[in-house]
Amino acid sequence: SLLVNRTQNAKEKYARILHHVRAGKRG
């Protein structure tokens, strides 16, 4: 699944990364 997500700041980026880490574990 290819997704492009516009973020306002680094804080939003970190939240998205943590979502993937918790859901996918390996990345």
PDB file of all heavy atoms in Angstrom:
ATOM      1  N   SER A   1       0.874  -1.178   0.000  1.00  0.00           N
ATOM      2  CA  SER A   1       0.000   0.000   0.000  1.00  0.00           C
ATOM      3  C   SER A   1       0.909   1.226   0.000  1.00  0.00           C
ATOM      4  O   SER A   1       1.774   1.362   0.867  1.00  0.00           O
ATOM      5  CB  SER A   1      -0.911   0.006   1.227  1.00  0.00           C
ATOM      6  OG  SER A   1      -0.154   0.121   2.410  1.00  0.00           O
ATOM      7  N   LEU A   2       0.730   2.079  -1.005  1.00  0.00           N
ATOM      8  CA  LEU A   2       1.575   3.263  -1.168  1.00  0.00           C
ATOM      9  C   LEU A   2       0.775   4.500  -0.755  1.00  0.00           C
ATOM     10  O   LEU A   2      -0.266   4.797  -1.356  1.00  0.00           O
ATOM     11  CB  LEU A   2       2.040   3.391  -2.619  1.00  0.00           C
ATOM     12  CG  LEU A   2       2.800   2.186  -3.182  1.00  0.00           C
ATOM     13  CD1 LEU A   2       3.098   2.380  -4.658  1.00  0.00           C
ATOM     14  CD2 LEU A   2       4.089   1.951  -2.415  1.00  0.00           C
ATOM     15  N   LEU A   3       1.250   5.207   0.251  1.00  0.00           N
ATOM     16  CA  LEU A   3       0.521   6.342   0.804  1.00  0.00           C
ATOM     17  C   LEU A   3       1.439   7.552   0.916  1.00  0.00           C
ATOM     18  O   LEU A   3       2.583   7.427   1.367  1.00  0.00           O
ATOM     19  CB  LEU A   3      -0.023   5.972   2.195  1.00  0.00           C
ATOM     20  CG  LEU A   3      -0.731   7.065   2.995  1.00  0.00           C
ATOM     21  CD1 LEU A   3      -2.039   7.463   2.303  1.00  0.00           C
ATOM     22  CD2 LEU A   3      -1.019   6.584   4.410  1.00  0.00           C
ATOM     23  N   VAL A   4       0.946   8.714   0.476  1.00  0.00           N
ATOM     24  CA  VAL A   4       1.664   9.977   0.668  1.00  0.00           C
ATOM     25  C   VAL A   4       0.853  10.811   1.648  1.00  0.00           C
ATOM     26  O   VAL A   4      -0.346  11.030   1.442  1.00  0.00           O
ATOM     27  CB  VAL A   4       1.841  10.740  -0.663  1.00  0.00           C
ATOM     28  CG1 VAL A   4       2.557  12.071  -0.412  1.00  0.00           C
ATOM     29  CG2 VAL A   4       2.617   9.900  -1.663  1.00  0.00           C
ATOM     30  N   ASN A   5       1.483  11.266   2.724  1.00  0.00           N
ATOM     31  CA  ASN A   5       0.767  11.958   3.793  1.00  0.00           C
ATOM     32  C   ASN A   5       1.433  13.302   4.073  1.00  0.00           C
ATOM     33  O   ASN A   5       2.590  13.354   4.499  1.00  0.00           O
ATOM     34  CB  ASN A   5       0.769  11.082   5.054  1.00  0.00           C
ATOM     35  CG  ASN A   5      -0.200  11.585   6.101  1.00  0.00           C
ATOM     36  OD1 ASN A   5      -0.796  12.644   5.953  1.00  0.00           O
ATOM     37  ND2 ASN A   5      -0.351  10.816   7.162  1.00  0.00           N
ATOM     38  N   ARG A   6       0.685  14.378   3.813  1.00  0.00           N
ATOM     39  CA  ARG A   6       1.215  15.708   4.116  1.00  0.00           C
ATOM     40  C   ARG A   6       1.121  15.971   5.617  1.00  0.00           C
ATOM     41  O   ARG A   6       0.060  15.813   6.217  1.00  0.00           O
ATOM     42  CB  ARG A   6       0.432  16.768   3.339  1.00  0.00           C
ATOM     43  CG  ARG A   6       0.976  18.171   3.555  1.00  0.00           C
ATOM     44  CD  ARG A   6       0.217  19.186   2.727  1.00  0.00           C
ATOM     45  NE  ARG A   6       0.668  20.528   3.026  1.00  0.00           N
ATOM     46  CZ  ARG A   6       0.141  21.627   2.514  1.00  0.00           C
ATOM     47  NH1 ARG A   6      -0.875  21.521   1.657  1.00  0.00           N
ATOM     48  NH2 ARG A   6       0.597  22.813   2.826  1.00  0.00           N
ATOM     49  N   THR A   7       2.234  16.360   6.200  1.00  0.00           N
ATOM     50  CA  THR A   7       2.278  16.611   7.643  1.00  0.00           C
ATOM     51  C   THR A   7       2.651  18.071   7.902  1.00  0.00           C
ATOM     52  O   THR A   7       3.357  18.693   7.105  1.00  0.00           O
ATOM     53  CB  THR A   7       3.317  15.698   8.324  1.00  0.00           C
ATOM     54  OG1 THR A   7       4.581  15.864   7.668  1.00  0.00           O
ATOM     55  CG2 THR A   7       2.900  14.241   8.247  1.00  0.00           C
ATOM     56  N   GLN A   8       2.183  18.578   9.012  1.00  0.00           N
ATOM     57  CA  GLN A   8       2.461  19.989   9.339  1.00  0.00           C
ATOM     58  C   GLN A   8       3.830  20.177   9.982  1.00  0.00           C
ATOM     59  O   GLN A   8       4.466  21.214   9.829  1.00  0.00           O
ATOM     60  CB  GLN A   8       1.374  20.511  10.292  1.00  0.00           C
ATOM     61  CG  GLN A   8      -0.011  20.556   9.683  1.00  0.00           C
ATOM     62  CD  GLN A   8      -0.088  21.449   8.468  1.00  0.00           C
ATOM     63  OE1 GLN A   8       0.456  22.559   8.455  1.00  0.00           O
ATOM     64  NE2 GLN A   8      -0.749  20.967   7.421  1.00  0.00           N
ATOM     65  N   ASN A   9       4.281  19.156  10.714  1.00  0.00           N
ATOM     66  CA  ASN A   9       5.534  19.311  11.467  1.00  0.00           C
ATOM     67  C   ASN A   9       6.124  17.937  11.790  1.00  0.00           C
ATOM     68  O   ASN A   9       5.527  16.902  11.495  1.00  0.00           O
ATOM     69  CB  ASN A   9       5.285  20.109  12.749  1.00  0.00           C
ATOM     70  CG  ASN A   9       4.096  19.558  13.522  1.00  0.00           C
ATOM     71  OD1 ASN A   9       3.945  18.340  13.669  1.00  0.00           O
ATOM     72  ND2 ASN A   9       3.231  20.452  14.017  1.00  0.00           N
ATOM     73  N   ALA A  10       7.280  17.963  12.445  1.00  0.00           N
ATOM     74  CA  ALA A  10       7.973  16.715  12.794  1.00  0.00           C
ATOM     75  C   ALA A  10       7.170  15.888  13.790  1.00  0.00           C
ATOM     76  O   ALA A  10       7.196  14.649  13.734  1.00  0.00           O
ATOM     77  CB  ALA A  10       9.349  17.036  13.374  1.00  0.00           C
ATOM     78  N   LYS A  11       6.423  16.549  14.664  1.00  0.00           N
ATOM     79  CA  LYS A  11       5.627  15.831  15.666  1.00  0.00           C
ATOM     80  C   LYS A  11       4.628  14.894  14.994  1.00  0.00           C
ATOM     81  O   LYS A  11       4.449  13.745  15.403  1.00  0.00           O
ATOM     82  CB  LYS A  11       4.901  16.840  16.556  1.00  0.00           C
ATOM     83  CG  LYS A  11       4.152  16.193  17.716  1.00  0.00           C
ATOM     84  CD  LYS A  11       3.490  17.259  18.585  1.00  0.00           C
ATOM     85  CE  LYS A  11       2.702  16.594  19.724  1.00  0.00           C
ATOM     86  NZ  LYS A  11       2.026  17.614  20.567  1.00  0.00           N
ATOM     87  N   GLU A  12       3.973  15.383  13.922  1.00  0.00           N
ATOM     88  CA  GLU A  12       3.021  14.542  13.175  1.00  0.00           C
ATOM     89  C   GLU A  12       3.745  13.372  12.508  1.00  0.00           C
ATOM     90  O   GLU A  12       3.219  12.261  12.437  1.00  0.00           O
ATOM     91  CB  GLU A  12       2.286  15.368  12.123  1.00  0.00           C
ATOM     92  CG  GLU A  12       1.198  16.253  12.700  1.00  0.00           C
ATOM     93  CD  GLU A  12       0.369  16.912  11.599  1.00  0.00           C
ATOM     94  OE1 GLU A  12       0.348  16.397  10.459  1.00  0.00           O
ATOM     95  OE2 GLU A  12      -0.249  17.950  11.887  1.00  0.00           O
ATOM     96  N   LYS A  13       4.946  13.634  12.017  1.00  0.00           N
ATOM     97  CA  LYS A  13       5.733  12.557  11.377  1.00  0.00           C
ATOM     98  C   LYS A  13       6.055  11.466  12.390  1.00  0.00           C
ATOM     99  O   LYS A  13       5.933  10.275  12.097  1.00  0.00           O
ATOM    100  CB  LYS A  13       7.023  13.122  10.777  1.00  0.00           C
ATOM    101  CG  LYS A  13       6.807  13.996   9.552  1.00  0.00           C
ATOM    102  CD  LYS A  13       8.150  14.357   8.912  1.00  0.00           C
ATOM    103  CE  LYS A  13       7.960  15.186   7.661  1.00  0.00           C
ATOM    104  NZ  LYS A  13       9.222  15.434   6.942  1.00  0.00           N
ATOM    105  N   TYR A  14       6.484  11.882  13.589  1.00  0.00           N
ATOM    106  CA  TYR A  14       6.821  10.899  14.621  1.00  0.00           C
ATOM    107  C   TYR A  14       5.599  10.054  14.986  1.00  0.00           C
ATOM    108  O   TYR A  14       5.706   8.841  15.207  1.00  0.00           O
ATOM    109  CB  TYR A  14       7.363  11.591  15.875  1.00  0.00           C
ATOM    110  CG  TYR A  14       8.685  12.298  15.673  1.00  0.00           C
ATOM    111  CD1 TYR A  14       8.926  13.548  16.235  1.00  0.00           C
ATOM    112  CD2 TYR A  14       9.695  11.714  14.905  1.00  0.00           C
ATOM    113  CE1 TYR A  14      10.137  14.204  16.059  1.00  0.00           C
ATOM    114  CE2 TYR A  14      10.907  12.373  14.720  1.00  0.00           C
ATOM    115  CZ  TYR A  14      11.118  13.617  15.287  1.00  0.00           C
ATOM    116  OH  TYR A  14      12.309  14.262  15.101  1.00  0.00           O
ATOM    117  N   ALA A  15       4.422  10.684  15.038  1.00  0.00           N
ATOM    118  CA  ALA A  15       3.195   9.949  15.384  1.00  0.00           C
ATOM    119  C   ALA A  15       2.898   8.886  14.327  1.00  0.00           C
ATOM    120  O   ALA A  15       2.510   7.756  14.653  1.00  0.00           O
ATOM    121  CB  ALA A  15       2.026  10.925  15.510  1.00  0.00           C
ATOM    122  N   ARG A  16       3.088   9.235  13.039  1.00  0.00           N
ATOM    123  CA  ARG A  16       2.846   8.275  11.967  1.00  0.00           C
ATOM    124  C   ARG A  16       3.861   7.124  12.034  1.00  0.00           C
ATOM    125  O   ARG A  16       3.519   5.958  11.835  1.00  0.00           O
ATOM    126  CB  ARG A  16       2.928   8.951  10.589  1.00  0.00           C
ATOM    127  CG  ARG A  16       1.804   9.907  10.284  1.00  0.00           C
ATOM    128  CD  ARG A  16       0.448   9.237  10.312  1.00  0.00           C
ATOM    129  NE  ARG A  16       0.362   8.098   9.394  1.00  0.00           N
ATOM    130  CZ  ARG A  16      -0.512   7.117   9.510  1.00  0.00           C
ATOM    131  NH1 ARG A  16      -1.372   7.100  10.516  1.00  0.00           N
ATOM    132  NH2 ARG A  16      -0.538   6.123   8.633  1.00  0.00           N
ATOM    133  N   ILE A  17       5.111   7.454  12.318  1.00  0.00           N
ATOM    134  CA  ILE A  17       6.147   6.418  12.417  1.00  0.00           C
ATOM    135  C   ILE A  17       5.822   5.455  13.555  1.00  0.00           C
ATOM    136  O   ILE A  17       5.889   4.229  13.394  1.00  0.00           O
ATOM    137  CB  ILE A  17       7.543   7.056  12.620  1.00  0.00           C
ATOM    138  CG1 ILE A  17       7.991   7.754  11.335  1.00  0.00           C
ATOM    139  CG2 ILE A  17       8.572   6.002  13.031  1.00  0.00           C
ATOM    140  CD1 ILE A  17       9.234   8.619  11.509  1.00  0.00           C
ATOM    141  N   LEU A  18       5.424   6.005  14.715  1.00  0.00           N
ATOM    142  CA  LEU A  18       5.092   5.149  15.859  1.00  0.00           C
ATOM    143  C   LEU A  18       3.900   4.256  15.544  1.00  0.00           C
ATOM    144  O   LEU A  18       3.858   3.095  15.966  1.00  0.00           O
ATOM    145  CB  LEU A  18       4.805   6.011  17.089  1.00  0.00           C
ATOM    146  CG  LEU A  18       6.049   6.627  17.745  1.00  0.00           C
ATOM    147  CD1 LEU A  18       5.650   7.719  18.734  1.00  0.00           C
ATOM    148  CD2 LEU A  18       6.883   5.546  18.442  1.00  0.00           C
ATOM    149  N   HIS A  19       2.952   4.769  14.754  1.00  0.00           N
ATOM    150  CA  HIS A  19       1.815   3.939  14.335  1.00  0.00           C
ATOM    151  C   HIS A  19       2.306   2.719  13.548  1.00  0.00           C
ATOM    152  O   HIS A  19       1.874   1.590  13.805  1.00  0.00           O
ATOM    153  CB  HIS A  19       0.865   4.774  13.467  1.00  0.00           C
ATOM    154  CG  HIS A  19      -0.092   3.950  12.662  1.00  0.00           C
ATOM    155  ND1 HIS A  19      -1.222   3.373  13.216  1.00  0.00           N
ATOM    156  CD2 HIS A  19      -0.076   3.567  11.348  1.00  0.00           C
ATOM    157  CE1 HIS A  19      -1.859   2.687  12.278  1.00  0.00           C
ATOM    158  NE2 HIS A  19      -1.191   2.788  11.144  1.00  0.00           N
ATOM    159  N   HIS A  20       3.228   2.940  12.611  1.00  0.00           N
ATOM    160  CA  HIS A  20       3.738   1.835  11.795  1.00  0.00           C
ATOM    161  C   HIS A  20       4.584   0.863  12.627  1.00  0.00           C
ATOM    162  O   HIS A  20       4.508  -0.349  12.428  1.00  0.00           O
ATOM    163  CB  HIS A  20       4.553   2.381  10.617  1.00  0.00           C
ATOM    164  CG  HIS A  20       3.712   2.990   9.543  1.00  0.00           C
ATOM    165  ND1 HIS A  20       2.866   2.247   8.752  1.00  0.00           N
ATOM    166  CD2 HIS A  20       3.580   4.272   9.138  1.00  0.00           C
ATOM    167  CE1 HIS A  20       2.249   3.054   7.900  1.00  0.00           C
ATOM    168  NE2 HIS A  20       2.660   4.289   8.114  1.00  0.00           N
ATOM    169  N   VAL A  21       5.384   1.399  13.532  1.00  0.00           N
ATOM    170  CA  VAL A  21       6.221   0.536  14.385  1.00  0.00           C
ATOM    171  C   VAL A  21       5.339  -0.387  15.220  1.00  0.00           C
ATOM    172  O   VAL A  21       5.609  -1.593  15.326  1.00  0.00           O
ATOM    173  CB  VAL A  21       7.139   1.382  15.295  1.00  0.00           C
ATOM    174  CG1 VAL A  21       7.816   0.512  16.339  1.00  0.00           C
ATOM    175  CG2 VAL A  21       8.194   2.106  14.463  1.00  0.00           C
ATOM    176  N   ARG A  22       4.259   0.160  15.785  1.00  0.00           N
ATOM    177  CA  ARG A  22       3.386  -0.650  16.642  1.00  0.00           C
ATOM    178  C   ARG A  22       2.559  -1.639  15.835  1.00  0.00           C
ATOM    179  O   ARG A  22       2.274  -2.750  16.301  1.00  0.00           O
ATOM    180  CB  ARG A  22       2.492   0.271  17.471  1.00  0.00           C
ATOM    181  CG  ARG A  22       3.277   0.959  18.594  1.00  0.00           C
ATOM    182  CD  ARG A  22       2.593   2.191  19.123  1.00  0.00           C
ATOM    183  NE  ARG A  22       3.442   2.861  20.117  1.00  0.00           N
ATOM    184  CZ  ARG A  22       3.330   4.145  20.446  1.00  0.00           C
ATOM    185  NH1 ARG A  22       2.423   4.906  19.853  1.00  0.00           N
ATOM    186  NH2 ARG A  22       4.143   4.657  21.346  1.00  0.00           N
ATOM    187  N   ALA A  23       2.201  -1.249  14.608  1.00  0.00           N
ATOM    188  CA  ALA A  23       1.369  -2.135  13.782  1.00  0.00           C
ATOM    189  C   ALA A  23       2.196  -3.170  13.023  1.00  0.00           C
ATOM    190  O   ALA A  23       1.823  -4.339  12.934  1.00  0.00           O
ATOM    191  CB  ALA A  23       0.559  -1.303  12.785  1.00  0.00           C
ATOM    192  N   GLY A  24       3.350  -2.722  12.504  1.00  0.00           N
ATOM    193  CA  GLY A  24       4.123  -3.605  11.622  1.00  0.00           C
ATOM    194  C   GLY A  24       5.358  -4.216  12.243  1.00  0.00           C
ATOM    195  O   GLY A  24       5.879  -5.204  11.751  1.00  0.00           O
ATOM    196  N   LYS A  25       5.853  -3.612  13.327  1.00  0.00           N
ATOM    197  CA  LYS A  25       7.014  -4.105  14.080  1.00  0.00           C
ATOM    198  C   LYS A  25       8.327  -4.053  13.299  1.00  0.00           C
ATOM    199  O   LYS A  25       9.290  -3.471  13.743  1.00  0.00           O
ATOM    200  CB  LYS A  25       6.768  -5.522  14.604  1.00  0.00           C
ATOM    201  CG  LYS A  25       5.627  -5.631  15.589  1.00  0.00           C
ATOM    202  CD  LYS A  25       5.546  -7.003  16.167  1.00  0.00           C
ATOM    203  CE  LYS A  25       4.481  -7.219  17.191  1.00  0.00           C
ATOM    204  NZ  LYS A  25       3.563  -6.179  17.528  1.00  0.00           N
ATOM    205  N   ARG A  26       8.415  -4.698  12.136  1.00  0.00           N
ATOM    206  CA  ARG A  26       9.675  -4.762  11.385  1.00  0.00           C
ATOM    207  C   ARG A  26       9.646  -3.759  10.236  1.00  0.00           C
ATOM    208  O   ARG A  26       8.754  -3.832   9.377  1.00  0.00           O
ATOM    209  CB  ARG A  26       9.892  -6.163  10.815  1.00  0.00           C
ATOM    210  CG  ARG A  26      10.025  -7.236  11.860  1.00  0.00           C
ATOM    211  CD  ARG A  26      10.196  -8.607  11.237  1.00  0.00           C
ATOM    212  NE  ARG A  26       9.008  -9.051  10.529  1.00  0.00           N
ATOM    213  CZ  ARG A  26       7.952  -9.593  11.109  1.00  0.00           C
ATOM    214  NH1 ARG A  26       7.916  -9.753  12.429  1.00  0.00           N
ATOM    215  NH2 ARG A  26       6.916  -9.975  10.391  1.00  0.00           N
ATOM    216  N   GLY A  27      10.610  -2.824  10.209  1.00  0.00           N
ATOM    217  CA  GLY A  27      10.547  -1.850   9.125  1.00  0.00           C
ATOM    218  C   GLY A  27      11.775  -0.985   8.987  1.00  0.00           C
ATOM    219  O   GLY A  27      12.730  -1.073   9.767  1.00  0.00           O
TER     220      GLY A  27
END
